[in-house]
């Protein structure tokens, strides 16, 4: 079952269960997916990687909102965003461990033949493609810098 289909099924289940938080969160995600599908010159259905990218974007927005609400003294709004964040995180793939991330970056370094910090962009691009959404770009960058700096 595709991720988009899973979201649709869970949306209906949330309606039946009258789970307002999950329902509202999945509706927002469904709207983002629909906007993506009609945004291009040709209408195309969102693939799992597209849905995953949109999901990560929504997660990042929630985290930023939580931080902003807390700094503004709006704990009530921060808690509402946290509830939505918990719903969204259910659909994210399990992240890589530190060791797995290091191994992935080392493989990417060998793959692109990187030898110094000037090749950082190539390493990050290769590692992001290999990670299949299981690692954050910032984490990959930090690990790649750490490994490349130790080579110098």
C-alpha atoms as a PDB file:
ATOM      1  CA  UNK A   1       0.000   0.000   0.000  1.00  0.00           C
ATOM      2  CA  UNK A   2       1.388   3.395  -0.919  1.00  0.00           C
ATOM      3  CA  UNK A   3       1.966   6.039   1.733  1.00  0.00           C
ATOM      4  CA  UNK A   4      -0.709   8.221   0.163  1.00  0.00           C
ATOM      5  CA  UNK A   5      -3.237   5.365   0.342  1.00  0.00           C
ATOM      6  CA  UNK A   6      -2.275   4.684   3.950  1.00  0.00           C
ATOM      7  CA  UNK A   7      -2.864   8.334   4.811  1.00  0.00           C
ATOM      8  CA  UNK A   8      -6.277   8.220   3.134  1.00  0.00           C
ATOM      9  CA  UNK A   9      -7.285   5.094   5.073  1.00  0.00           C
ATOM     10  CA  UNK A  10      -6.097   6.631   8.328  1.00  0.00           C
ATOM     11  CA  UNK A  11      -8.021   9.803   7.521  1.00  0.00           C
ATOM     12  CA  UNK A  12     -11.260   7.826   7.239  1.00  0.00           C
ATOM     13  CA  UNK A  13     -10.443   5.913  10.434  1.00  0.00           C
ATOM     14  CA  UNK A  14      -9.862   9.217  12.267  1.00  0.00           C
ATOM     15  CA  UNK A  15     -13.234  10.458  11.004  1.00  0.00           C
ATOM     16  CA  UNK A  16     -14.986   7.362  12.312  1.00  0.00           C
ATOM     17  CA  UNK A  17     -13.145   7.534  15.642  1.00  0.00           C
ATOM     18  CA  UNK A  18     -13.829  11.272  15.918  1.00  0.00           C
ATOM     19  CA  UNK A  19     -10.121  11.878  16.590  1.00  0.00           C
ATOM     20  CA  UNK A  20     -10.058  15.615  15.929  1.00  0.00           C
ATOM     21  CA  UNK A  21      -6.280  16.109  16.203  1.00  0.00           C
ATOM     22  CA  UNK A  22      -5.426  13.263  13.851  1.00  0.00           C
ATOM     23  CA  UNK A  23      -8.209  14.239  11.483  1.00  0.00           C
ATOM     24  CA  UNK A  24      -7.111  17.875  11.260  1.00  0.00           C
ATOM     25  CA  UNK A  25      -3.457  16.904  10.840  1.00  0.00           C
ATOM     26  CA  UNK A  26      -4.130  14.380   8.084  1.00  0.00           C
ATOM     27  CA  UNK A  27      -6.409  16.834   6.290  1.00  0.00           C
ATOM     28  CA  UNK A  28      -3.586  19.402   6.254  1.00  0.00           C
ATOM     29  CA  UNK A  29      -1.202  16.791   4.889  1.00  0.00           C
ATOM     30  CA  UNK A  30      -3.747  15.695   2.277  1.00  0.00           C
ATOM     31  CA  UNK A  31      -4.130  19.340   1.189  1.00  0.00           C
ATOM     32  CA  UNK A  32      -0.361  19.660   0.828  1.00  0.00           C
ATOM     33  CA  UNK A  33      -0.279  16.511  -1.303  1.00  0.00           C
ATOM     34  CA  UNK A  34      -3.137  17.731  -3.497  1.00  0.00           C
ATOM     35  CA  UNK A  35      -1.437  21.113  -3.955  1.00  0.00           C
ATOM     36  CA  UNK A  36       1.749  19.322  -5.002  1.00  0.00           C
ATOM     37  CA  UNK A  37      -0.108  17.165  -7.498  1.00  0.00           C
ATOM     38  CA  UNK A  38      -1.706  20.093  -9.297  1.00  0.00           C
ATOM     39  CA  UNK A  39       1.236  22.492  -9.025  1.00  0.00           C
ATOM     40  CA  UNK A  40       3.197  21.213 -12.027  1.00  0.00           C
ATOM     41  CA  UNK A  41       2.562  21.769 -15.710  1.00  0.00           C
ATOM     42  CA  UNK A  42       1.275  18.238 -15.993  1.00  0.00           C
ATOM     43  CA  UNK A  43      -0.935  16.778 -13.344  1.00  0.00           C
ATOM     44  CA  UNK A  44       0.791  13.839 -11.729  1.00  0.00           C
ATOM     45  CA  UNK A  45       0.058  11.676  -8.748  1.00  0.00           C
ATOM     46  CA  UNK A  46       2.424  12.058  -5.808  1.00  0.00           C
ATOM     47  CA  UNK A  47       4.779   9.120  -5.350  1.00  0.00           C
ATOM     48  CA  UNK A  48       5.876   7.856  -1.945  1.00  0.00           C
ATOM     49  CA  UNK A  49       9.092   9.899  -2.064  1.00  0.00           C
ATOM     50  CA  UNK A  50       7.066  13.050  -2.848  1.00  0.00           C
ATOM     51  CA  UNK A  51       4.682  12.351   0.041  1.00  0.00           C
ATOM     52  CA  UNK A  52       7.645  11.692   2.322  1.00  0.00           C
ATOM     53  CA  UNK A  53       9.237  14.992   1.323  1.00  0.00           C
ATOM     54  CA  UNK A  54       5.967  16.838   2.023  1.00  0.00           C
ATOM     55  CA  UNK A  55       5.642  15.003   5.319  1.00  0.00           C
ATOM     56  CA  UNK A  56       9.137  16.094   6.375  1.00  0.00           C
ATOM     57  CA  UNK A  57       8.292  19.656   5.406  1.00  0.00           C
ATOM     58  CA  UNK A  58       5.187  19.572   7.611  1.00  0.00           C
ATOM     59  CA  UNK A  59       7.208  18.090  10.496  1.00  0.00           C
ATOM     60  CA  UNK A  60       9.801  20.834  10.157  1.00  0.00           C
ATOM     61  CA  UNK A  61       7.051  23.484  10.145  1.00  0.00           C
ATOM     62  CA  UNK A  62       5.557  22.023  13.322  1.00  0.00           C
ATOM     63  CA  UNK A  63       8.936  22.007  15.079  1.00  0.00           C
ATOM     64  CA  UNK A  64       9.565  25.621  14.074  1.00  0.00           C
ATOM     65  CA  UNK A  65       6.088  26.610  15.243  1.00  0.00           C
ATOM     66  CA  UNK A  66       6.567  24.897  18.593  1.00  0.00           C
ATOM     67  CA  UNK A  67       9.808  26.798  19.120  1.00  0.00           C
ATOM     68  CA  UNK A  68       8.205  30.114  18.152  1.00  0.00           C
ATOM     69  CA  UNK A  69       5.137  29.585  20.328  1.00  0.00           C
ATOM     70  CA  UNK A  70       7.266  28.645  23.337  1.00  0.00           C
ATOM     71  CA  UNK A  71       9.495  31.698  22.906  1.00  0.00           C
ATOM     72  CA  UNK A  72       6.337  33.816  22.668  1.00  0.00           C
ATOM     73  CA  UNK A  73       4.869  32.329  25.830  1.00  0.00           C
ATOM     74  CA  UNK A  74       2.020  30.514  24.069  1.00  0.00           C
ATOM     75  CA  UNK A  75       2.276  27.067  25.634  1.00  0.00           C
ATOM     76  CA  UNK A  76      -1.308  26.220  24.605  1.00  0.00           C
ATOM     77  CA  UNK A  77      -0.494  26.632  20.922  1.00  0.00           C
ATOM     78  CA  UNK A  78       2.826  24.814  21.347  1.00  0.00           C
ATOM     79  CA  UNK A  79       0.996  21.819  22.817  1.00  0.00           C
ATOM     80  CA  UNK A  80      -1.456  21.774  19.913  1.00  0.00           C
ATOM     81  CA  UNK A  81       1.456  21.747  17.457  1.00  0.00           C
ATOM     82  CA  UNK A  82       3.144  18.959  19.436  1.00  0.00           C
ATOM     83  CA  UNK A  83      -0.004  16.852  19.151  1.00  0.00           C
ATOM     84  CA  UNK A  84       0.029  17.310  15.371  1.00  0.00           C
ATOM     85  CA  UNK A  85       3.759  16.569  15.278  1.00  0.00           C
ATOM     86  CA  UNK A  86       3.190  13.226  17.028  1.00  0.00           C
ATOM     87  CA  UNK A  87       0.625  12.281  14.384  1.00  0.00           C
ATOM     88  CA  UNK A  88       2.969  13.208  11.528  1.00  0.00           C
ATOM     89  CA  UNK A  89       5.950  11.366  13.007  1.00  0.00           C
ATOM     90  CA  UNK A  90       4.007   8.095  12.831  1.00  0.00           C
ATOM     91  CA  UNK A  91       4.412   8.156   9.050  1.00  0.00           C
ATOM     92  CA  UNK A  92       8.132   8.977   8.958  1.00  0.00           C
ATOM     93  CA  UNK A  93      10.532   6.097   8.369  1.00  0.00           C
ATOM     94  CA  UNK A  94      12.739   5.106  11.285  1.00  0.00           C
ATOM     95  CA  UNK A  95      15.872   7.250  11.362  1.00  0.00           C
ATOM     96  CA  UNK A  96      19.409   5.988  10.976  1.00  0.00           C
ATOM     97  CA  UNK A  97      21.582   5.369  14.000  1.00  0.00           C
ATOM     98  CA  UNK A  98      24.856   7.270  14.373  1.00  0.00           C
ATOM     99  CA  UNK A  99      26.816   4.225  13.175  1.00  0.00           C
ATOM    100  CA  UNK A 100      24.535   3.656  10.189  1.00  0.00           C
ATOM    101  CA  UNK A 101      24.796   7.322   9.233  1.00  0.00           C
ATOM    102  CA  UNK A 102      28.588   7.223   9.460  1.00  0.00           C
ATOM    103  CA  UNK A 103      28.699   4.085   7.296  1.00  0.00           C
ATOM    104  CA  UNK A 104      26.377   5.663   4.727  1.00  0.00           C
ATOM    105  CA  UNK A 105      28.497   8.820   4.531  1.00  0.00           C
ATOM    106  CA  UNK A 106      31.743   6.827   4.259  1.00  0.00           C
ATOM    107  CA  UNK A 107      30.257   4.811   1.373  1.00  0.00           C
ATOM    108  CA  UNK A 108      29.175   8.042  -0.319  1.00  0.00           C
ATOM    109  CA  UNK A 109      32.657   9.524   0.097  1.00  0.00           C
ATOM    110  CA  UNK A 110      34.193   6.476  -1.586  1.00  0.00           C
ATOM    111  CA  UNK A 111      31.524   6.492  -4.286  1.00  0.00           C
ATOM    112  CA  UNK A 112      32.202  10.098  -5.349  1.00  0.00           C
ATOM    113  CA  UNK A 113      35.941   9.912  -4.666  1.00  0.00           C
ATOM    114  CA  UNK A 114      35.903  12.804  -2.210  1.00  0.00           C
ATOM    115  CA  UNK A 115      39.181  13.692  -0.565  1.00  0.00           C
ATOM    116  CA  UNK A 116      38.591  17.110   1.007  1.00  0.00           C
ATOM    117  CA  UNK A 117      35.963  19.665   2.025  1.00  0.00           C
ATOM    118  CA  UNK A 118      35.578  20.930  -1.533  1.00  0.00           C
ATOM    119  CA  UNK A 119      33.707  17.734  -2.403  1.00  0.00           C
ATOM    120  CA  UNK A 120      31.226  18.170   0.448  1.00  0.00           C
ATOM    121  CA  UNK A 121      28.279  18.959  -1.836  1.00  0.00           C
ATOM    122  CA  UNK A 122      28.830  15.816  -3.906  1.00  0.00           C
ATOM    123  CA  UNK A 123      29.034  13.680  -0.763  1.00  0.00           C
ATOM    124  CA  UNK A 124      25.855  15.165   0.697  1.00  0.00           C
ATOM    125  CA  UNK A 125      23.956  14.672  -2.542  1.00  0.00           C
ATOM    126  CA  UNK A 126      25.033  11.026  -2.815  1.00  0.00           C
ATOM    127  CA  UNK A 127      24.283  10.320   0.855  1.00  0.00           C
ATOM    128  CA  UNK A 128      20.845  11.969   0.678  1.00  0.00           C
ATOM    129  CA  UNK A 129      19.959   9.771  -2.298  1.00  0.00           C
ATOM    130  CA  UNK A 130      21.101   6.653  -0.416  1.00  0.00           C
ATOM    131  CA  UNK A 131      19.368   7.542   2.847  1.00  0.00           C
ATOM    132  CA  UNK A 132      15.863   7.274   1.345  1.00  0.00           C
ATOM    133  CA  UNK A 133      14.528   9.911   3.713  1.00  0.00           C
ATOM    134  CA  UNK A 134      15.856   8.224   6.846  1.00  0.00           C
ATOM    135  CA  UNK A 135      18.459  10.909   7.592  1.00  0.00           C
ATOM    136  CA  UNK A 136      18.265  14.675   7.869  1.00  0.00           C
ATOM    137  CA  UNK A 137      20.386  16.742   5.490  1.00  0.00           C
ATOM    138  CA  UNK A 138      21.943  18.656   8.378  1.00  0.00           C
ATOM    139  CA  UNK A 139      23.035  15.446  10.092  1.00  0.00           C
ATOM    140  CA  UNK A 140      24.533  14.152   6.852  1.00  0.00           C
ATOM    141  CA  UNK A 141      26.412  17.416   6.346  1.00  0.00           C
ATOM    142  CA  UNK A 142      27.849  17.376   9.868  1.00  0.00           C
ATOM    143  CA  UNK A 143      28.949  13.743   9.551  1.00  0.00           C
ATOM    144  CA  UNK A 144      30.490  14.345   6.120  1.00  0.00           C
ATOM    145  CA  UNK A 145      32.398  17.390   7.409  1.00  0.00           C
ATOM    146  CA  UNK A 146      33.645  15.412  10.402  1.00  0.00           C
ATOM    147  CA  UNK A 147      34.894  12.541   8.226  1.00  0.00           C
ATOM    148  CA  UNK A 148      36.400  14.758   5.536  1.00  0.00           C
ATOM    149  CA  UNK A 149      38.166  16.924   8.138  1.00  0.00           C
ATOM    150  CA  UNK A 150      39.739  13.821   9.701  1.00  0.00           C
ATOM    151  CA  UNK A 151      41.110  12.862   6.275  1.00  0.00           C
ATOM    152  CA  UNK A 152      42.928  16.177   5.864  1.00  0.00           C
END
